[in-house]
Amino acid sequence: MPLTPTLQTRYDENSIPISAKCSLCGERMPQGTPRITDPIENVAWFSSQFGLHVAQIHPEIEARTWVGKSKKSNARHTQKEVKG
């Protein structure tokens, strides 16, 4: 079992992300409503849900992640990665 949670994503036969879960505890991330069919938007949705999950369920890990960085700076960095 990893010490830091990562987002594990499952894809369909067309390489569209269909589900995601936390590698640390196995909790599945909720689907968008209505269901998101654009692959990039789906990854962004699962990523944002995972960020909320880590903050709520694994707060001690989130606190470790921010050491040496401001949350605002790290949030901007994460947004750039999601946007491409």
PDB file of N, CA and C in Angstrom:
ATOM      1  N   MET A   1       0.846  -1.175   0.000  1.00  0.00           N
ATOM      2  CA  MET A   1       0.000   0.000   0.000  1.00  0.00           C
ATOM      3  C   MET A   1       0.899   1.247   0.000  1.00  0.00           C
ATOM      4  N   PRO A   2       0.660   2.189  -0.932  1.00  0.00           N
ATOM      5  CA  PRO A   2       1.493   3.391  -0.987  1.00  0.00           C
ATOM      6  C   PRO A   2       1.239   4.315   0.200  1.00  0.00           C
ATOM      7  N   LEU A   3       2.257   5.101   0.554  1.00  0.00           N
ATOM      8  CA  LEU A   3       2.122   6.046   1.659  1.00  0.00           C
ATOM      9  C   LEU A   3       1.463   7.343   1.220  1.00  0.00           C
ATOM     10  N   THR A   4       1.511   7.632  -0.065  1.00  0.00           N
ATOM     11  CA  THR A   4       0.889   8.831  -0.607  1.00  0.00           C
ATOM     12  C   THR A   4      -0.190   8.403  -1.583  1.00  0.00           C
ATOM     13  N   PRO A   5      -1.402   8.942  -1.461  1.00  0.00           N
ATOM     14  CA  PRO A   5      -2.453   8.529  -2.381  1.00  0.00           C
ATOM     15  C   PRO A   5      -2.214   9.072  -3.786  1.00  0.00           C
ATOM     16  N   THR A   6      -2.551   8.263  -4.754  1.00  0.00           N
ATOM     17  CA  THR A   6      -2.532   8.706  -6.143  1.00  0.00           C
ATOM     18  C   THR A   6      -3.892   8.398  -6.747  1.00  0.00           C
ATOM     19  N   LEU A   7      -4.189   9.077  -7.818  1.00  0.00           N
ATOM     20  CA  LEU A   7      -5.453   8.867  -8.513  1.00  0.00           C
ATOM     21  C   LEU A   7      -5.262   7.734  -9.513  1.00  0.00           C
ATOM     22  N   GLN A   8      -6.002   6.652  -9.333  1.00  0.00           N
ATOM     23  CA  GLN A   8      -5.947   5.526 -10.262  1.00  0.00           C
ATOM     24  C   GLN A   8      -7.181   5.601 -11.148  1.00  0.00           C
ATOM     25  N   THR A   9      -6.960   5.641 -12.451  1.00  0.00           N
ATOM     26  CA  THR A   9      -8.051   5.826 -13.402  1.00  0.00           C
ATOM     27  C   THR A   9      -8.217   4.583 -14.261  1.00  0.00           C
ATOM     28  N   ARG A  10      -9.477   4.216 -14.515  1.00  0.00           N
ATOM     29  CA  ARG A  10      -9.792   3.094 -15.399  1.00  0.00           C
ATOM     30  C   ARG A  10     -10.390   3.650 -16.690  1.00  0.00           C
ATOM     31  N   TYR A  11      -9.992   3.086 -17.822  1.00  0.00           N
ATOM     32  CA  TYR A  11     -10.416   3.581 -19.131  1.00  0.00           C
ATOM     33  C   TYR A  11     -11.237   2.527 -19.871  1.00  0.00           C
ATOM     34  N   ASP A  12     -12.120   2.993 -20.771  1.00  0.00           N
ATOM     35  CA  ASP A  12     -12.864   2.056 -21.607  1.00  0.00           C
ATOM     36  C   ASP A  12     -12.041   1.723 -22.854  1.00  0.00           C
ATOM     37  N   GLU A  13     -12.628   0.962 -23.772  1.00  0.00           N
ATOM     38  CA  GLU A  13     -11.900   0.521 -24.969  1.00  0.00           C
ATOM     39  C   GLU A  13     -11.525   1.675 -25.901  1.00  0.00           C
ATOM     40  N   ASN A  14     -12.146   2.845 -25.717  1.00  0.00           N
ATOM     41  CA  ASN A  14     -11.835   4.025 -26.531  1.00  0.00           C
ATOM     42  C   ASN A  14     -10.903   4.995 -25.803  1.00  0.00           C
ATOM     43  N   SER A  15     -10.290   4.525 -24.735  1.00  0.00           N
ATOM     44  CA  SER A  15      -9.364   5.331 -23.914  1.00  0.00           C
ATOM     45  C   SER A  15     -10.036   6.532 -23.255  1.00  0.00           C
ATOM     46  N   ILE A  16     -11.306   6.395 -22.950  1.00  0.00           N
ATOM     47  CA  ILE A  16     -12.031   7.432 -22.218  1.00  0.00           C
ATOM     48  C   ILE A  16     -12.074   7.019 -20.752  1.00  0.00           C
ATOM     49  N   PRO A  17     -11.647   7.914 -19.839  1.00  0.00           N
ATOM     50  CA  PRO A  17     -11.680   7.569 -18.415  1.00  0.00           C
ATOM     51  C   PRO A  17     -13.120   7.345 -17.951  1.00  0.00           C
ATOM     52  N   ILE A  18     -13.358   6.201 -17.329  1.00  0.00           N
ATOM     53  CA  ILE A  18     -14.719   5.892 -16.895  1.00  0.00           C
ATOM     54  C   ILE A  18     -14.868   5.825 -15.382  1.00  0.00           C
ATOM     55  N   SER A  19     -13.771   5.636 -14.668  1.00  0.00           N
ATOM     56  CA  SER A  19     -13.844   5.638 -13.208  1.00  0.00           C
ATOM     57  C   SER A  19     -12.460   5.932 -12.649  1.00  0.00           C
ATOM     58  N   ALA A  20     -12.456   6.346 -11.384  1.00  0.00           N
ATOM     59  CA  ALA A  20     -11.190   6.642 -10.716  1.00  0.00           C
ATOM     60  C   ALA A  20     -11.338   6.327  -9.237  1.00  0.00           C
ATOM     61  N   LYS A  21     -10.212   5.993  -8.613  1.00  0.00           N
ATOM     62  CA  LYS A  21     -10.237   5.707  -7.184  1.00  0.00           C
ATOM     63  C   LYS A  21      -8.932   6.151  -6.545  1.00  0.00           C
ATOM     64  N   CYS A  22      -8.969   6.240  -5.219  1.00  0.00           N
ATOM     65  CA  CYS A  22      -7.800   6.594  -4.427  1.00  0.00           C
ATOM     66  C   CYS A  22      -6.966   5.334  -4.218  1.00  0.00           C
ATOM     67  N   SER A  23      -5.678   5.421  -4.522  1.00  0.00           N
ATOM     68  CA  SER A  23      -4.810   4.253  -4.360  1.00  0.00           C
ATOM     69  C   SER A  23      -4.562   3.904  -2.898  1.00  0.00           C
ATOM     70  N   LEU A  24      -4.741   4.871  -2.006  1.00  0.00           N
ATOM     71  CA  LEU A  24      -4.453   4.633  -0.590  1.00  0.00           C
ATOM     72  C   LEU A  24      -5.590   3.900   0.122  1.00  0.00           C
ATOM     73  N   CYS A  25      -6.828   4.349  -0.112  1.00  0.00           N
ATOM     74  CA  CYS A  25      -7.951   3.746   0.620  1.00  0.00           C
ATOM     75  C   CYS A  25      -8.946   3.013  -0.285  1.00  0.00           C
ATOM     76  N   GLY A  26      -8.816   3.174  -1.600  1.00  0.00           N
ATOM     77  CA  GLY A  26      -9.701   2.466  -2.522  1.00  0.00           C
ATOM     78  C   GLY A  26     -11.037   3.134  -2.774  1.00  0.00           C
ATOM     79  N   GLU A  27     -11.288   4.285  -2.163  1.00  0.00           N
ATOM     80  CA  GLU A  27     -12.577   4.951  -2.374  1.00  0.00           C
ATOM     81  C   GLU A  27     -12.691   5.427  -3.813  1.00  0.00           C
ATOM     82  N   ARG A  28     -13.862   5.162  -4.422  1.00  0.00           N
ATOM     83  CA  ARG A  28     -14.107   5.581  -5.804  1.00  0.00           C
ATOM     84  C   ARG A  28     -14.517   7.046  -5.832  1.00  0.00           C
ATOM     85  N   MET A  29     -14.031   7.752  -6.834  1.00  0.00           N
ATOM     86  CA  MET A  29     -14.393   9.151  -7.014  1.00  0.00           C
ATOM     87  C   MET A  29     -15.763   9.215  -7.682  1.00  0.00           C
ATOM     88  N   PRO A  30     -16.593  10.184  -7.278  1.00  0.00           N
ATOM     89  CA  PRO A  30     -17.936  10.276  -7.860  1.00  0.00           C
ATOM     90  C   PRO A  30     -17.885  10.674  -9.336  1.00  0.00           C
ATOM     91  N   GLN A  31     -18.883  10.224 -10.076  1.00  0.00           N
ATOM     92  CA  GLN A  31     -19.034  10.595 -11.484  1.00  0.00           C
ATOM     93  C   GLN A  31     -19.619  12.001 -11.576  1.00  0.00           C
ATOM     94  N   GLY A  32     -19.359  12.675 -12.674  1.00  0.00           N
ATOM     95  CA  GLY A  32     -19.983  13.971 -12.923  1.00  0.00           C
ATOM     96  C   GLY A  32     -21.452  13.767 -13.255  1.00  0.00           C
ATOM     97  N   THR A  33     -22.283  14.749 -12.948  1.00  0.00           N
ATOM     98  CA  THR A  33     -23.707  14.670 -13.268  1.00  0.00           C
ATOM     99  C   THR A  33     -24.086  15.895 -14.066  1.00  0.00           C
ATOM    100  N   PRO A  34     -24.547  15.769 -15.291  1.00  0.00           N
ATOM    101  CA  PRO A  34     -24.678  14.512 -16.035  1.00  0.00           C
ATOM    102  C   PRO A  34     -23.303  13.939 -16.351  1.00  0.00           C
ATOM    103  N   ARG A  35     -23.287  12.688 -16.717  1.00  0.00           N
ATOM    104  CA  ARG A  35     -22.021  11.992 -16.972  1.00  0.00           C
ATOM    105  C   ARG A  35     -21.193  12.746 -18.020  1.00  0.00           C
ATOM    106  N   ILE A  36     -19.926  12.954 -17.730  1.00  0.00           N
ATOM    107  CA  ILE A  36     -19.025  13.681 -18.624  1.00  0.00           C
ATOM    108  C   ILE A  36     -18.479  12.704 -19.658  1.00  0.00           C
ATOM    109  N   THR A  37     -18.551  13.080 -20.937  1.00  0.00           N
ATOM    110  CA  THR A  37     -18.080  12.183 -21.992  1.00  0.00           C
ATOM    111  C   THR A  37     -16.789  12.665 -22.650  1.00  0.00           C
ATOM    112  N   ASP A  38     -16.411  13.927 -22.456  1.00  0.00           N
ATOM    113  CA  ASP A  38     -15.158  14.437 -23.012  1.00  0.00           C
ATOM    114  C   ASP A  38     -14.001  13.936 -22.148  1.00  0.00           C
ATOM    115  N   PRO A  39     -13.014  13.228 -22.733  1.00  0.00           N
ATOM    116  CA  PRO A  39     -11.933  12.642 -21.933  1.00  0.00           C
ATOM    117  C   PRO A  39     -11.162  13.656 -21.092  1.00  0.00           C
ATOM    118  N   ILE A  40     -10.844  14.809 -21.657  1.00  0.00           N
ATOM    119  CA  ILE A  40     -10.064  15.804 -20.916  1.00  0.00           C
ATOM    120  C   ILE A  40     -10.878  16.366 -19.755  1.00  0.00           C
ATOM    121  N   GLU A  41     -12.143  16.669 -20.003  1.00  0.00           N
ATOM    122  CA  GLU A  41     -13.003  17.173 -18.925  1.00  0.00           C
ATOM    123  C   GLU A  41     -13.204  16.112 -17.850  1.00  0.00           C
ATOM    124  N   ASN A  42     -13.268  14.852 -18.262  1.00  0.00           N
ATOM    125  CA  ASN A  42     -13.449  13.766 -17.302  1.00  0.00           C
ATOM    126  C   ASN A  42     -12.231  13.634 -16.391  1.00  0.00           C
ATOM    127  N   VAL A  43     -11.032  13.730 -16.960  1.00  0.00           N
ATOM    128  CA  VAL A  43      -9.813  13.673 -16.149  1.00  0.00           C
ATOM    129  C   VAL A  43      -9.777  14.858 -15.191  1.00  0.00           C
ATOM    130  N   ALA A  44     -10.140  16.047 -15.680  1.00  0.00           N
ATOM    131  CA  ALA A  44     -10.172  17.237 -14.818  1.00  0.00           C
ATOM    132  C   ALA A  44     -11.177  17.043 -13.684  1.00  0.00           C
ATOM    133  N   TRP A  45     -12.338  16.466 -13.985  1.00  0.00           N
ATOM    134  CA  TRP A  45     -13.364  16.220 -12.964  1.00  0.00           C
ATOM    135  C   TRP A  45     -12.837  15.254 -11.900  1.00  0.00           C
ATOM    136  N   PHE A  46     -12.302  14.113 -12.337  1.00  0.00           N
ATOM    137  CA  PHE A  46     -11.785  13.137 -11.381  1.00  0.00           C
ATOM    138  C   PHE A  46     -10.645  13.728 -10.556  1.00  0.00           C
ATOM    139  N   SER A  47      -9.802  14.528 -11.176  1.00  0.00           N
ATOM    140  CA  SER A  47      -8.691  15.163 -10.452  1.00  0.00           C
ATOM    141  C   SER A  47      -9.195  16.102  -9.372  1.00  0.00           C
ATOM    142  N   SER A  48     -10.210  16.895  -9.698  1.00  0.00           N
ATOM    143  CA  SER A  48     -10.746  17.821  -8.691  1.00  0.00           C
ATOM    144  C   SER A  48     -11.425  17.059  -7.561  1.00  0.00           C
ATOM    145  N   GLN A  49     -12.137  15.983  -7.888  1.00  0.00           N
ATOM    146  CA  GLN A  49     -12.776  15.167  -6.857  1.00  0.00           C
ATOM    147  C   GLN A  49     -11.726  14.500  -5.972  1.00  0.00           C
ATOM    148  N   PHE A  50     -10.625  14.079  -6.583  1.00  0.00           N
ATOM    149  CA  PHE A  50      -9.539  13.459  -5.833  1.00  0.00           C
ATOM    150  C   PHE A  50      -8.902  14.469  -4.882  1.00  0.00           C
ATOM    151  N   GLY A  51      -8.723  15.702  -5.336  1.00  0.00           N
ATOM    152  CA  GLY A  51      -8.182  16.757  -4.469  1.00  0.00           C
ATOM    153  C   GLY A  51      -9.062  16.979  -3.253  1.00  0.00           C
ATOM    154  N   LEU A  52     -10.381  17.008  -3.466  1.00  0.00           N
ATOM    155  CA  LEU A  52     -11.318  17.152  -2.343  1.00  0.00           C
ATOM    156  C   LEU A  52     -11.233  15.939  -1.421  1.00  0.00           C
ATOM    157  N   HIS A  53     -11.153  14.763  -2.009  1.00  0.00           N
ATOM    158  CA  HIS A  53     -11.066  13.523  -1.229  1.00  0.00           C
ATOM    159  C   HIS A  53      -9.839  13.546  -0.320  1.00  0.00           C
ATOM    160  N   VAL A  54      -8.685  13.900  -0.878  1.00  0.00           N
ATOM    161  CA  VAL A  54      -7.450  13.933  -0.085  1.00  0.00           C
ATOM    162  C   VAL A  54      -7.582  14.949   1.041  1.00  0.00           C
ATOM    163  N   ALA A  55      -8.145  16.118   0.751  1.00  0.00           N
ATOM    164  CA  ALA A  55      -8.299  17.158   1.775  1.00  0.00           C
ATOM    165  C   ALA A  55      -9.224  16.707   2.903  1.00  0.00           C
ATOM    166  N   GLN A  56     -10.276  15.957   2.567  1.00  0.00           N
ATOM    167  CA  GLN A  56     -11.261  15.557   3.573  1.00  0.00           C
ATOM    168  C   GLN A  56     -10.915  14.242   4.271  1.00  0.00           C
ATOM    169  N   ILE A  57     -10.400  13.284   3.542  1.00  0.00           N
ATOM    170  CA  ILE A  57     -10.179  11.945   4.089  1.00  0.00           C
ATOM    171  C   ILE A  57      -8.739  11.729   4.550  1.00  0.00           C
ATOM    172  N   HIS A  58      -7.792  12.348   3.885  1.00  0.00           N
ATOM    173  CA  HIS A  58      -6.373  12.179   4.213  1.00  0.00           C
ATOM    174  C   HIS A  58      -5.737  13.542   4.494  1.00  0.00           C
ATOM    175  N   PRO A  59      -6.266  14.327   5.439  1.00  0.00           N
ATOM    176  CA  PRO A  59      -5.745  15.692   5.650  1.00  0.00           C
ATOM    177  C   PRO A  59      -4.281  15.724   6.074  1.00  0.00           C
ATOM    178  N   GLU A  60      -3.814  14.697   6.766  1.00  0.00           N
ATOM    179  CA  GLU A  60      -2.410  14.675   7.185  1.00  0.00           C
ATOM    180  C   GLU A  60      -1.491  14.577   5.975  1.00  0.00           C
ATOM    181  N   ILE A  61      -1.945  13.939   4.923  1.00  0.00           N
ATOM    182  CA  ILE A  61      -1.151  13.822   3.699  1.00  0.00           C
ATOM    183  C   ILE A  61      -1.193  15.127   2.924  1.00  0.00           C
ATOM    184  N   GLU A  62      -2.354  15.767   2.889  1.00  0.00           N
ATOM    185  CA  GLU A  62      -2.454  17.060   2.207  1.00  0.00           C
ATOM    186  C   GLU A  62      -1.526  18.064   2.880  1.00  0.00           C
ATOM    187  N   ALA A  63      -1.466  18.056   4.199  1.00  0.00           N
ATOM    188  CA  ALA A  63      -0.595  18.987   4.924  1.00  0.00           C
ATOM    189  C   ALA A  63       0.865  18.741   4.561  1.00  0.00           C
ATOM    190  N   ARG A  64       1.247  17.477   4.420  1.00  0.00           N
ATOM    191  CA  ARG A  64       2.615  17.139   4.018  1.00  0.00           C
ATOM    192  C   ARG A  64       2.917  17.637   2.609  1.00  0.00           C
ATOM    193  N   THR A  65       1.933  17.573   1.718  1.00  0.00           N
ATOM    194  CA  THR A  65       2.110  17.991   0.331  1.00  0.00           C
ATOM    195  C   THR A  65       2.450  19.465   0.233  1.00  0.00           C
ATOM    196  N   TRP A  66       1.880  20.274   1.111  1.00  0.00           N
ATOM    197  CA  TRP A  66       2.033  21.720   1.013  1.00  0.00           C
ATOM    198  C   TRP A  66       3.289  22.245   1.703  1.00  0.00           C
ATOM    199  N   VAL A  67       4.067  21.408   2.347  1.00  0.00           N
ATOM    200  CA  VAL A  67       5.251  21.884   3.057  1.00  0.00           C
ATOM    201  C   VAL A  67       6.180  22.588   2.070  1.00  0.00           C
ATOM    202  N   GLY A  68       6.546  23.827   2.402  1.00  0.00           N
ATOM    203  CA  GLY A  68       7.462  24.587   1.564  1.00  0.00           C
ATOM    204  C   GLY A  68       6.813  25.299   0.400  1.00  0.00           C
ATOM    205  N   LYS A  69       5.501  25.133   0.216  1.00  0.00           N
ATOM    206  CA  LYS A  69       4.799  25.802  -0.877  1.00  0.00           C
ATOM    207  C   LYS A  69       3.548  26.458  -0.326  1.00  0.00           C
ATOM    208  N   SER A  70       3.180  27.564  -0.922  1.00  0.00           N
ATOM    209  CA  SER A  70       1.895  28.151  -0.552  1.00  0.00           C
ATOM    210  C   SER A  70       0.819  27.376  -1.300  1.00  0.00           C
ATOM    211  N   LYS A  71      -0.361  27.263  -0.723  1.00  0.00           N
ATOM    212  CA  LYS A  71      -1.442  26.543  -1.386  1.00  0.00           C
ATOM    213  C   LYS A  71      -1.796  27.209  -2.709  1.00  0.00           C
ATOM    214  N   LYS A  72      -1.757  28.541  -2.743  1.00  0.00           N
ATOM    215  CA  LYS A  72      -2.099  29.264  -3.960  1.00  0.00           C
ATOM    216  C   LYS A  72      -1.117  28.915  -5.075  1.00  0.00           C
ATOM    217  N   SER A  73       0.158  28.885  -4.769  1.00  0.00           N
ATOM    218  CA  SER A  73       1.186  28.556  -5.759  1.00  0.00           C
ATOM    219  C   SER A  73       1.008  27.135  -6.271  1.00  0.00           C
ATOM    220  N   ASN A  74       0.775  26.198  -5.372  1.00  0.00           N
ATOM    221  CA  ASN A  74       0.611  24.809  -5.771  1.00  0.00           C
ATOM    222  C   ASN A  74      -0.674  24.617  -6.564  1.00  0.00           C
ATOM    223  N   ALA A  75      -1.747  25.336  -6.215  1.00  0.00           N
ATOM    224  CA  ALA A  75      -3.008  25.227  -6.945  1.00  0.00           C
ATOM    225  C   ALA A  75      -2.822  25.703  -8.383  1.00  0.00           C
ATOM    226  N   ARG A  76      -2.073  26.788  -8.574  1.00  0.00           N
ATOM    227  CA  ARG A  76      -1.809  27.279  -9.930  1.00  0.00           C
ATOM    228  C   ARG A  76      -1.032  26.238 -10.722  1.00  0.00           C
ATOM    229  N   HIS A  77      -0.044  25.621 -10.092  1.00  0.00           N
ATOM    230  CA  HIS A  77       0.766  24.601 -10.756  1.00  0.00           C
ATOM    231  C   HIS A  77      -0.108  23.419 -11.169  1.00  0.00           C
ATOM    232  N   THR A  78      -0.991  22.985 -10.289  1.00  0.00           N
ATOM    233  CA  THR A  78      -1.880  21.864 -10.580  1.00  0.00           C
ATOM    234  C   THR A  78      -2.821  22.211 -11.721  1.00  0.00           C
ATOM    235  N   GLN A  79      -3.359  23.439 -11.735  1.00  0.00           N
ATOM    236  CA  GLN A  79      -4.260  23.846 -12.808  1.00  0.00           C
ATOM    237  C   GLN A  79      -3.546  23.827 -14.150  1.00  0.00           C
ATOM    238  N   LYS A  80      -2.287  24.237 -14.196  1.00  0.00           N
ATOM    239  CA  LYS A  80      -1.535  24.218 -15.446  1.00  0.00           C
ATOM    240  C   LYS A  80      -1.372  22.789 -15.946  1.00  0.00           C
ATOM    241  N   GLU A  81      -1.123  21.857 -15.036  1.00  0.00           N
ATOM    242  CA  GLU A  81      -0.964  20.463 -15.436  1.00  0.00           C
ATOM    243  C   GLU A  81      -2.263  19.916 -16.005  1.00  0.00           C
ATOM    244  N   VAL A  82      -3.401  20.249 -15.383  1.00  0.00           N
ATOM    245  CA  VAL A  82      -4.695  19.748 -15.839  1.00  0.00           C
ATOM    246  C   VAL A  82      -5.042  20.341 -17.195  1.00  0.00           C
ATOM    247  N   LYS A  83      -4.755  21.650 -17.378  1.00  0.00           N
ATOM    248  CA  LYS A  83      -5.099  22.312 -18.635  1.00  0.00           C
ATOM    249  C   LYS A  83      -4.184  21.902 -19.780  1.00  0.00           C
ATOM    250  N   GLY A  84      -3.024  21.363 -19.456  1.00  0.00           N
ATOM    251  CA  GLY A  84      -2.141  20.888 -20.503  1.00  0.00           C
ATOM    252  C   GLY A  84      -1.003  21.797 -20.680  1.00  0.00           C
TER     253      GLY A  84
END
